[in-house]
Amino acid sequence: MTSPSIVWFRDDLRLADNPALRAALDRGEPVIGLYVLDEESPGIRPLGGAAKWWLHHSLASLADRLEERGSRLVLRRGKAASVVREAVTDAGAGAVFWNRRYGGPERDIDTELKEGLSDGGVEVASFAASLLFEPWTVKTGSGSHFSVYSPFWRACLALPSPRAPLPEPREIAGPGRAPASDRLEDWELLPTAPDWAGGLRETWEPGEPAAKRRLREFLDEDLGHYDRARNHPAAGATSQLSPRLRWGELSPHIVWHAAVDTPGASGFLSEIGWREFAWHTLYHFPDLATKNLRPEFDAFPWPRLRPAALEAWQQGRTGFAIVDAGMRELWETGYMHNRVRMVTASFLIKNLLIDWRRGEEWFWDCLVDADGASNTFNWQWVAGSGADAAPYFRVFNPELQADKFDKGREYIGRWAPEYRDADGQPPTPMVDLKATRQDALAAYEKVKQASRR
């Protein structure tokens, strides 16, 4: 009788550089892959629509790759703590391995499972796979966590270099009989009525093989001019690896070691460092998606929400070219250039005076790369309420940003062509930039006054 090993896949939908999978193979017993769609456990945030689309296709790719090597992927749905235990019983598994997660509710689930399964005689182990540096290993001189990026990243770089990636296994022996699995189609992760994912299909190919190809393309074609062109949305110089890292089709270790010895890679790798900073911050502040990291911002006098204004922003009907272009790119492709993300977020928060949480929720639903750390962390950065935050008085003027970073109007012409048509009448701006900037600064002054009391 065998006692199979279960590899519980989460945000690590890959075979290469997967320490949990390597541990299962080293154990020498048949291997079963397991993925649990958990939308029921307390504190677990249900995925947005674009993220569900990506997940469906990435899981399909992972299942095919496991089967090609001799194993299979079991799909189950429900509260993870219960579902994993049931899968262990059904499979007669002697071990469960997974790669660590860093959100508060996720850590609680993993801790409970590790203790319960271990008490029942099942071998359990977790591994570092999704970050270059574990959050508890990067500390200030006083032993605390960092709240400013530059010293954080210097401290990371002073640590031993990230480990080398693990090789992809060629064979993965599966059990003679695997536990019952849900059908991926029955999860209804793909939109049908209406099917709004046409632009996502045209833009992306989820899955580990496509992620590896994109990494090679970026290193060969784009990294050399990344620092010079990354802020220009029409230049096509960004890596577009964020959804690959979000879903773990690539590990940061793979990306790091592929790029680190390339001339001019430091700017790109610092963006990997920014991702690390976001996750380390979430580890220490699990309520990052709902609470201001800087509590003085709780006093910010947000006006009553105007649904029409929020909807105009969501639909790209603000009357400001680069904002509307960015919001339409987001809806069509599930992605937005990083510079434009900052501009659109600043416009919502500081020109429309709409709470950053409303914008974060929209991005969560629309982005294929939305994750529990970076999405929230970056919204708080723009709002001025987060770690290493942009000062609140830094308001991104969308007209000046367009002039500086899309001078030829190529990006705007693609996504909001009415602004580029010389014969047409451009839309009327919905707000006065100067007046709304002053309103935002006046509101921020109340925050400063409250913090002095």
Protein backbone atom coordinates (compact mmCIF):
# COMPACT_ATOMS: atom_id res chain seq x y z
CA MET A 1 0.00 0.00 0.00
CA THR A 2 1.24 3.45 -0.92
CA SER A 3 0.58 6.69 0.92
CA PRO A 4 0.51 9.37 -1.76
CA SER A 5 1.78 12.88 -1.28
CA ILE A 6 -0.59 15.78 -1.95
CA VAL A 7 0.81 19.01 -3.36
CA TRP A 8 -1.65 21.74 -2.54
CA PHE A 9 -1.31 24.34 -5.30
CA ARG A 10 -2.41 27.89 -4.51
CA ASP A 11 -0.77 30.96 -6.07
CA ASP A 12 2.03 28.80 -7.52
CA LEU A 13 0.54 27.26 -10.66
CA ARG A 14 3.80 25.91 -12.07
CA LEU A 15 6.05 22.87 -12.13
CA ALA A 16 9.41 24.64 -12.33
CA ASP A 17 10.91 25.99 -9.11
CA ASN A 18 8.11 24.58 -6.99
CA PRO A 19 9.60 23.52 -3.64
CA ALA A 20 6.39 21.83 -2.46
CA LEU A 21 6.33 19.67 -5.58
CA ARG A 22 10.03 18.87 -5.18
CA ALA A 23 9.44 17.76 -1.58
CA ALA A 24 6.66 15.44 -2.73
CA LEU A 25 8.88 13.91 -5.39
CA ASP A 26 11.73 13.46 -2.92
CA ARG A 27 9.40 11.55 -0.62
CA GLY A 28 9.22 8.85 -3.26
CA GLU A 29 5.48 8.15 -3.20
CA PRO A 30 2.86 8.90 -5.89
CA VAL A 31 1.98 12.58 -6.20
CA ILE A 32 -1.48 14.16 -6.42
CA GLY A 33 -1.94 17.83 -7.24
CA LEU A 34 -4.79 19.58 -5.45
CA TYR A 35 -6.34 23.00 -6.04
CA VAL A 36 -9.07 24.32 -3.75
CA LEU A 37 -11.32 27.18 -4.82
CA ASP A 38 -12.02 28.72 -1.43
CA GLU A 39 -14.56 31.53 -1.42
CA GLU A 40 -16.10 30.58 1.91
CA SER A 41 -13.44 30.71 4.64
CA PRO A 42 -13.64 33.77 6.90
CA GLY A 43 -11.54 36.63 5.59
CA ILE A 44 -10.82 35.06 2.19
CA ARG A 45 -11.57 37.61 -0.52
CA PRO A 46 -13.43 36.20 -3.53
CA LEU A 47 -11.63 36.69 -6.81
CA GLY A 48 -12.63 39.38 -9.27
CA GLY A 49 -13.99 38.58 -12.70
CA ALA A 50 -10.76 39.02 -14.66
CA ALA A 51 -8.81 37.01 -12.10
CA LYS A 52 -11.30 34.14 -12.40
CA TRP A 53 -10.82 34.14 -16.16
CA TRP A 54 -7.06 33.84 -15.75
CA LEU A 55 -7.37 31.18 -13.06
CA HIS A 56 -9.53 28.97 -15.28
CA HIS A 57 -7.00 28.93 -18.07
CA SER A 58 -3.96 28.62 -15.83
CA LEU A 59 -5.50 25.65 -14.02
CA ALA A 60 -6.30 24.01 -17.36
CA SER A 61 -2.68 24.42 -18.40
CA LEU A 62 -1.37 23.05 -15.09
CA ALA A 63 -3.70 20.05 -15.28
CA ASP A 64 -2.46 19.22 -18.78
CA ARG A 65 1.18 19.48 -17.73
CA LEU A 66 0.68 17.24 -14.71
CA GLU A 67 -1.08 14.62 -16.82
CA GLU A 68 1.69 14.73 -19.43
CA ARG A 69 4.13 13.74 -16.68
CA GLY A 70 2.00 11.02 -15.14
CA SER A 71 0.03 12.71 -12.36
CA ARG A 72 -3.18 14.68 -12.23
CA LEU A 73 -4.76 17.77 -10.71
CA VAL A 74 -7.73 17.30 -8.37
CA LEU A 75 -10.13 20.24 -8.14
CA ARG A 76 -12.25 20.80 -5.06
CA ARG A 77 -14.37 23.73 -3.87
CA GLY A 78 -15.20 24.93 -0.37
CA LYS A 79 -13.53 25.91 2.88
CA ALA A 80 -9.91 24.94 2.43
CA ALA A 81 -9.34 23.58 5.93
CA SER A 82 -12.17 21.07 5.49
CA VAL A 83 -11.56 20.30 1.83
CA VAL A 84 -7.87 19.50 2.26
CA ARG A 85 -8.62 17.14 5.14
CA GLU A 86 -11.24 15.39 3.01
CA ALA A 87 -8.79 15.04 0.14
CA VAL A 88 -6.20 13.52 2.48
CA THR A 89 -8.73 10.97 3.68
CA ASP A 90 -9.98 10.17 0.18
CA ALA A 91 -6.46 9.67 -1.14
CA GLY A 92 -5.07 7.90 1.90
CA ALA A 93 -2.31 10.50 1.72
CA GLY A 94 0.65 10.31 4.03
CA ALA A 95 1.94 13.83 3.37
CA VAL A 96 0.75 17.27 2.30
CA PHE A 97 3.09 19.92 0.99
CA TRP A 98 2.42 23.54 0.05
CA ASN A 99 4.17 26.82 -0.60
CA ARG A 100 3.53 29.60 1.88
CA ARG A 101 0.98 32.38 1.66
CA TYR A 102 1.34 35.67 3.51
CA GLY A 103 -2.12 37.16 3.97
CA GLY A 104 -3.57 36.98 7.47
CA PRO A 105 -6.61 34.72 6.81
CA GLU A 106 -4.52 32.45 4.59
CA ARG A 107 -1.88 32.04 7.28
CA ASP A 108 -4.56 31.18 9.82
CA ILE A 109 -5.92 28.44 7.56
CA ASP A 110 -2.47 27.02 6.92
CA THR A 111 -1.53 27.02 10.59
CA GLU A 112 -4.74 25.23 11.56
CA LEU A 113 -4.25 22.63 8.86
CA LYS A 114 -0.61 22.03 9.65
CA GLU A 115 -1.38 21.42 13.31
CA GLY A 116 -4.44 19.25 12.67
CA LEU A 117 -2.90 17.07 9.99
CA SER A 118 0.34 16.63 11.92
CA ASP A 119 -1.61 15.53 14.99
CA GLY A 120 -3.30 12.93 12.77
CA GLY A 121 0.02 11.46 11.71
CA VAL A 122 0.24 13.13 8.29
CA GLU A 123 3.55 14.66 7.29
CA VAL A 124 3.12 18.38 6.55
CA ALA A 125 5.65 20.94 5.36
CA SER A 126 5.50 24.42 3.85
CA PHE A 127 8.10 26.20 1.76
CA ALA A 128 9.26 29.61 0.61
CA ALA A 129 8.42 29.98 -3.07
CA SER A 130 6.50 33.20 -3.76
CA LEU A 131 8.88 35.82 -2.36
CA LEU A 132 12.63 36.29 -2.61
CA PHE A 133 12.87 37.11 1.09
CA GLU A 134 10.60 35.89 3.87
CA PRO A 135 8.86 38.80 5.67
CA TRP A 136 10.30 37.95 9.08
CA THR A 137 13.89 38.00 7.76
CA VAL A 138 14.02 41.67 6.66
CA LYS A 139 14.20 43.98 9.67
CA THR A 140 15.34 47.45 10.61
CA GLY A 141 18.28 47.92 12.96
CA SER A 142 15.82 48.00 15.86
CA GLY A 143 14.24 44.72 14.77
CA SER A 144 11.05 46.22 13.37
CA HIS A 145 9.55 46.10 9.88
CA PHE A 146 10.34 48.73 7.26
CA SER A 147 7.89 51.46 6.31
CA VAL A 148 10.03 53.08 3.59
CA TYR A 149 11.01 51.29 0.40
CA SER A 150 14.60 52.39 -0.23
CA PRO A 151 16.06 51.19 3.08
CA PHE A 152 13.87 48.08 2.82
CA TRP A 153 15.35 47.13 -0.54
CA ARG A 154 18.89 47.92 0.59
CA ALA A 155 18.37 45.58 3.53
CA CYS A 156 17.10 42.88 1.18
CA LEU A 157 20.11 43.22 -1.09
CA ALA A 158 22.43 42.96 1.92
CA LEU A 159 21.03 39.51 2.72
CA PRO A 160 22.34 36.34 1.06
CA SER A 161 21.32 36.18 -2.60
CA PRO A 162 18.00 34.49 -3.39
CA ARG A 163 18.33 30.75 -3.86
CA ALA A 164 18.68 29.29 -7.33
CA PRO A 165 15.48 28.01 -8.98
CA LEU A 166 14.66 24.32 -8.77
CA PRO A 167 14.47 22.40 -12.07
CA GLU A 168 11.19 21.35 -13.61
CA PRO A 169 10.48 17.63 -13.11
CA ARG A 170 10.16 15.51 -16.23
CA GLU A 171 8.15 12.74 -14.57
CA ILE A 172 5.62 12.90 -11.75
CA ALA A 173 4.28 9.51 -10.81
CA GLY A 174 0.58 9.60 -9.94
CA PRO A 175 -1.48 7.15 -7.88
CA GLY A 176 -3.32 4.21 -9.36
CA ARG A 177 -6.58 5.90 -8.31
CA ALA A 178 -6.89 9.60 -7.65
CA PRO A 179 -9.62 11.17 -5.51
CA ALA A 180 -12.73 12.47 -7.24
CA SER A 181 -12.38 15.91 -8.80
CA ASP A 182 -14.74 18.69 -9.78
CA ARG A 183 -14.92 19.63 -13.46
CA LEU A 184 -13.23 22.95 -14.06
CA GLU A 185 -16.10 24.03 -16.33
CA ASP A 186 -18.57 23.53 -13.49
CA TRP A 187 -16.86 26.27 -11.49
CA GLU A 188 -18.13 28.80 -14.06
CA LEU A 189 -15.07 31.00 -13.79
CA LEU A 190 -15.47 32.20 -17.37
CA PRO A 191 -18.00 34.92 -18.26
CA THR A 192 -20.85 33.76 -20.48
CA ALA A 193 -23.82 36.12 -20.29
CA PRO A 194 -22.39 38.39 -21.50
CA ASP A 195 -18.99 37.11 -22.56
CA TRP A 196 -16.87 40.19 -21.92
CA ALA A 197 -13.52 38.40 -22.11
CA GLY A 198 -12.78 38.81 -25.81
CA GLY A 199 -10.09 41.40 -25.16
CA LEU A 200 -8.49 39.20 -22.50
CA ARG A 201 -8.31 36.29 -24.95
CA GLU A 202 -6.68 38.51 -27.57
CA THR A 203 -4.15 39.91 -25.10
CA TRP A 204 -3.11 37.00 -22.90
CA GLU A 205 -2.22 33.33 -22.93
CA PRO A 206 -2.23 32.09 -19.33
CA GLY A 207 -0.13 29.14 -18.21
CA GLU A 208 3.46 28.32 -17.34
CA PRO A 209 4.74 27.72 -20.91
CA ALA A 210 3.51 31.13 -22.08
CA ALA A 211 4.97 32.74 -18.95
CA LYS A 212 8.40 31.31 -19.75
CA ARG A 213 8.17 32.57 -23.32
CA ARG A 214 7.23 36.06 -22.19
CA LEU A 215 10.17 36.17 -19.77
CA ARG A 216 12.58 35.23 -22.57
CA GLU A 217 11.04 37.83 -24.90
CA PHE A 218 11.33 40.55 -22.28
CA LEU A 219 14.95 39.75 -21.52
CA ASP A 220 15.90 39.57 -25.20
CA GLU A 221 13.88 42.51 -26.55
CA ASP A 222 12.83 44.94 -23.82
CA LEU A 223 15.10 44.86 -20.79
CA GLY A 224 17.84 46.86 -22.48
CA HIS A 225 15.64 49.95 -22.76
CA TYR A 226 13.39 49.27 -19.77
CA ASP A 227 14.67 52.13 -17.61
CA ARG A 228 14.40 54.64 -20.44
CA ALA A 229 10.99 53.64 -21.80
CA ARG A 230 9.07 52.04 -18.94
CA ASN A 231 7.08 55.18 -18.10
CA HIS A 232 5.83 55.64 -21.66
CA PRO A 233 2.70 53.51 -22.10
CA ALA A 234 2.96 53.31 -25.89
CA ALA A 235 6.57 52.05 -25.81
CA GLY A 236 5.73 48.44 -24.93
CA ALA A 237 8.79 48.27 -22.70
CA THR A 238 7.18 46.85 -19.56
CA SER A 239 7.67 43.20 -18.72
CA GLN A 240 3.96 42.23 -18.51
CA LEU A 241 5.07 39.60 -16.02
CA SER A 242 2.82 40.80 -13.20
CA PRO A 243 0.01 38.28 -13.82
CA ARG A 244 2.62 35.54 -14.24
CA LEU A 245 4.01 36.35 -10.81
CA ARG A 246 0.57 36.86 -9.29
CA TRP A 247 -0.54 33.35 -10.28
CA GLY A 248 2.88 31.84 -9.71
CA GLU A 249 3.37 30.66 -13.28
CA LEU A 250 6.82 32.13 -12.74
CA SER A 251 8.55 32.38 -9.39
CA PRO A 252 10.45 35.52 -8.43
CA HIS A 253 13.54 33.32 -8.13
CA ILE A 254 13.27 32.36 -11.79
CA VAL A 255 12.88 36.00 -12.80
CA TRP A 256 15.68 37.18 -10.52
CA HIS A 257 18.29 34.72 -11.72
CA ALA A 258 17.29 35.16 -15.36
CA ALA A 259 17.79 38.93 -15.16
CA VAL A 260 20.32 39.67 -12.42
CA ASP A 261 23.46 39.38 -14.53
CA THR A 262 22.01 41.34 -17.45
CA PRO A 263 23.42 44.87 -17.86
CA GLY A 264 20.86 47.49 -16.87
CA ALA A 265 18.66 45.06 -14.91
CA SER A 266 18.75 46.91 -11.58
CA GLY A 267 15.77 49.14 -12.40
CA PHE A 268 13.63 46.18 -13.36
CA LEU A 269 14.72 44.17 -10.32
CA SER A 270 13.82 47.09 -8.07
CA GLU A 271 10.25 46.64 -9.30
CA ILE A 272 10.46 43.04 -8.12
CA GLY A 273 11.63 44.59 -4.86
CA TRP A 274 8.54 46.84 -4.78
CA ARG A 275 6.40 43.71 -5.09
CA GLU A 276 8.30 42.23 -2.15
CA PHE A 277 7.72 45.41 -0.14
CA ALA A 278 3.98 45.19 -0.76
CA TRP A 279 3.80 41.60 0.44
CA HIS A 280 5.98 42.27 3.48
CA THR A 281 3.68 45.15 4.38
CA LEU A 282 0.59 42.97 4.05
CA TYR A 283 2.22 40.33 6.25
CA HIS A 284 2.58 42.87 9.05
CA PHE A 285 -0.77 44.63 8.35
CA PRO A 286 -3.34 42.02 7.25
CA ASP A 287 -6.16 44.61 7.01
CA LEU A 288 -4.40 46.56 4.27
CA ALA A 289 -7.37 46.26 1.86
CA THR A 290 -9.81 47.99 4.18
CA LYS A 291 -7.88 50.10 6.70
CA ASN A 292 -5.60 53.07 6.21
CA LEU A 293 -2.06 52.05 7.07
CA ARG A 294 -1.53 55.55 8.44
CA PRO A 295 -4.42 55.89 10.93
CA GLU A 296 -4.46 59.69 10.72
CA PHE A 297 -6.11 59.26 7.32
CA ASP A 298 -9.17 57.90 9.09
CA ALA A 299 -10.00 61.57 9.62
CA PHE A 300 -10.07 62.35 5.89
CA PRO A 301 -13.45 63.96 5.13
CA TRP A 302 -14.55 61.92 2.11
CA PRO A 303 -17.70 63.50 0.63
CA ARG A 304 -20.83 61.46 0.05
CA LEU A 305 -20.19 59.08 -2.83
CA ARG A 306 -21.54 60.29 -6.16
CA PRO A 307 -22.28 57.07 -8.11
CA ALA A 308 -22.43 58.90 -11.44
CA ALA A 309 -18.90 60.24 -10.97
CA LEU A 310 -17.57 56.82 -10.01
CA GLU A 311 -19.27 55.24 -13.02
CA ALA A 312 -17.83 57.86 -15.39
CA TRP A 313 -14.35 57.03 -14.10
CA GLN A 314 -14.94 53.28 -14.36
CA GLN A 315 -16.16 53.57 -17.94
CA GLY A 316 -13.51 56.02 -19.14
CA ARG A 317 -15.85 59.00 -19.61
CA THR A 318 -14.07 61.63 -17.51
CA GLY A 319 -13.14 64.02 -20.31
CA PHE A 320 -9.41 63.56 -19.63
CA ALA A 321 -7.65 61.68 -22.37
CA ILE A 322 -5.09 59.58 -20.53
CA VAL A 323 -7.52 58.70 -17.73
CA ASP A 324 -10.16 57.53 -20.18
CA ALA A 325 -7.59 55.64 -22.25
CA GLY A 326 -6.31 53.83 -19.18
CA MET A 327 -9.75 52.85 -17.90
CA ARG A 328 -10.70 51.48 -21.30
CA GLU A 329 -7.45 49.55 -21.58
CA LEU A 330 -8.24 48.05 -18.17
CA TRP A 331 -11.73 46.96 -19.18
CA GLU A 332 -10.63 45.56 -22.52
CA THR A 333 -7.44 43.73 -21.51
CA GLY A 334 -7.55 43.25 -17.73
CA TYR A 335 -4.36 45.28 -17.52
CA MET A 336 -3.18 48.87 -17.34
CA HIS A 337 0.25 50.39 -17.78
CA ASN A 338 1.76 51.23 -14.38
CA ARG A 339 2.24 54.95 -15.05
CA VAL A 340 -1.39 55.19 -16.12
CA ARG A 341 -2.50 53.26 -13.04
CA MET A 342 -1.00 56.01 -10.91
CA VAL A 343 -2.64 58.75 -12.97
CA THR A 344 -6.10 57.16 -12.95
CA ALA A 345 -5.89 56.42 -9.23
CA SER A 346 -4.78 59.95 -8.40
CA PHE A 347 -7.64 61.37 -10.47
CA LEU A 348 -10.23 59.30 -8.63
CA ILE A 349 -8.88 60.08 -5.17
CA LYS A 350 -7.73 63.66 -5.51
CA ASN A 351 -9.83 65.17 -8.28
CA LEU A 352 -13.09 63.31 -7.69
CA LEU A 353 -12.52 62.94 -3.93
CA ILE A 354 -13.70 59.33 -3.99
CA ASP A 355 -12.39 56.98 -1.31
CA TRP A 356 -9.41 54.93 -2.53
CA ARG A 357 -11.22 51.74 -1.50
CA ARG A 358 -13.79 52.21 -4.28
CA GLY A 359 -11.01 52.36 -6.84
CA GLU A 360 -9.22 49.41 -5.32
CA GLU A 361 -12.40 47.35 -5.55
CA TRP A 362 -12.79 48.18 -9.25
CA PHE A 363 -9.20 47.25 -10.03
CA TRP A 364 -9.64 44.06 -8.01
CA ASP A 365 -12.51 43.06 -10.28
CA CYS A 366 -10.90 44.13 -13.57
CA LEU A 367 -7.20 43.29 -13.28
CA VAL A 368 -5.81 39.89 -14.23
CA ASP A 369 -2.85 40.62 -11.92
CA ALA A 370 -4.82 41.81 -8.87
CA ASP A 371 -3.40 40.22 -5.75
CA GLY A 372 -3.97 40.68 -2.06
CA ALA A 373 -0.87 42.82 -1.53
CA SER A 374 0.13 44.89 -4.55
CA ASN A 375 -3.31 46.11 -5.56
CA THR A 376 -4.16 47.49 -2.14
CA PHE A 377 -0.64 48.61 -1.34
CA ASN A 378 -0.38 50.69 -4.51
CA TRP A 379 -3.78 52.32 -4.01
CA GLN A 380 -2.77 53.34 -0.51
CA TRP A 381 0.53 54.64 -1.88
CA VAL A 382 -1.28 56.98 -4.28
CA ALA A 383 -3.78 58.00 -1.62
CA GLY A 384 -0.99 58.96 0.77
CA SER A 385 -2.35 56.66 3.47
CA GLY A 386 0.10 53.78 3.03
CA ALA A 387 3.72 52.79 3.45
CA ASP A 388 6.30 55.04 1.80
CA ALA A 389 3.30 56.92 0.48
CA ALA A 390 3.38 59.65 -2.11
CA PRO A 391 2.68 62.87 -0.23
CA TYR A 392 -0.96 63.78 -0.49
CA PHE A 393 -0.19 67.10 -2.12
CA ARG A 394 1.41 65.23 -5.04
CA VAL A 395 -1.49 65.23 -7.48
CA PHE A 396 -0.88 63.69 -10.89
CA ASN A 397 -2.19 66.23 -13.39
CA PRO A 398 -3.56 64.01 -16.19
CA GLU A 399 -2.99 66.61 -18.89
CA LEU A 400 0.65 67.16 -17.95
CA GLN A 401 1.18 63.41 -17.57
CA ALA A 402 -0.17 62.84 -21.08
CA ASP A 403 2.08 65.57 -22.49
CA LYS A 404 5.13 64.10 -20.78
CA PHE A 405 4.64 60.36 -21.26
CA ASP A 406 2.41 60.10 -24.35
CA LYS A 407 3.54 63.10 -26.34
CA GLY A 408 2.68 61.53 -29.69
CA ARG A 409 -0.75 60.48 -28.37
CA GLU A 410 -0.12 56.89 -29.53
CA TYR A 411 -1.47 55.32 -26.34
CA ILE A 412 -4.40 57.73 -26.18
CA GLY A 413 -5.08 57.26 -29.88
CA ARG A 414 -5.36 53.51 -29.41
CA TRP A 415 -7.70 53.47 -26.42
CA ALA A 416 -9.50 56.83 -26.63
CA PRO A 417 -9.25 57.86 -30.29
CA GLU A 418 -11.80 60.68 -30.01
CA TYR A 419 -9.13 62.76 -28.27
CA ARG A 420 -6.76 62.36 -31.20
CA ASP A 421 -9.24 63.03 -33.99
CA ALA A 422 -8.52 66.57 -35.18
CA ASP A 423 -11.95 66.82 -36.78
CA GLY A 424 -13.83 65.69 -33.72
CA GLN A 425 -14.93 67.48 -30.58
CA PRO A 426 -13.10 66.11 -27.52
CA PRO A 427 -15.31 65.31 -24.53
CA THR A 428 -15.90 67.97 -21.93
CA PRO A 429 -13.84 67.48 -18.75
CA MET A 430 -16.04 66.47 -15.84
CA VAL A 431 -14.10 68.57 -13.29
CA ASP A 432 -11.79 71.55 -13.11
CA LEU A 433 -8.32 70.19 -12.28
CA LYS A 434 -7.12 73.27 -10.44
CA ALA A 435 -10.25 73.68 -8.33
CA THR A 436 -10.48 70.00 -7.40
CA ARG A 437 -6.80 69.92 -6.50
CA GLN A 438 -7.41 72.77 -4.08
CA ASP A 439 -10.42 70.93 -2.64
CA ALA A 440 -8.28 67.87 -2.07
CA LEU A 441 -5.54 69.84 -0.36
CA ALA A 442 -8.11 71.54 1.87
CA ALA A 443 -9.46 68.15 2.89
CA TYR A 444 -5.95 66.91 3.60
CA GLU A 445 -5.33 69.93 5.81
CA LYS A 446 -8.10 68.64 8.07
CA VAL A 447 -6.22 65.35 8.35
CA LYS A 448 -3.08 67.19 9.43
CA GLN A 449 -5.00 69.26 11.96
CA ALA A 450 -6.65 66.17 13.42
CA SER A 451 -3.28 64.44 13.76
CA ARG A 452 -1.91 67.33 15.85
CA ARG A 453 -4.64 67.05 18.46
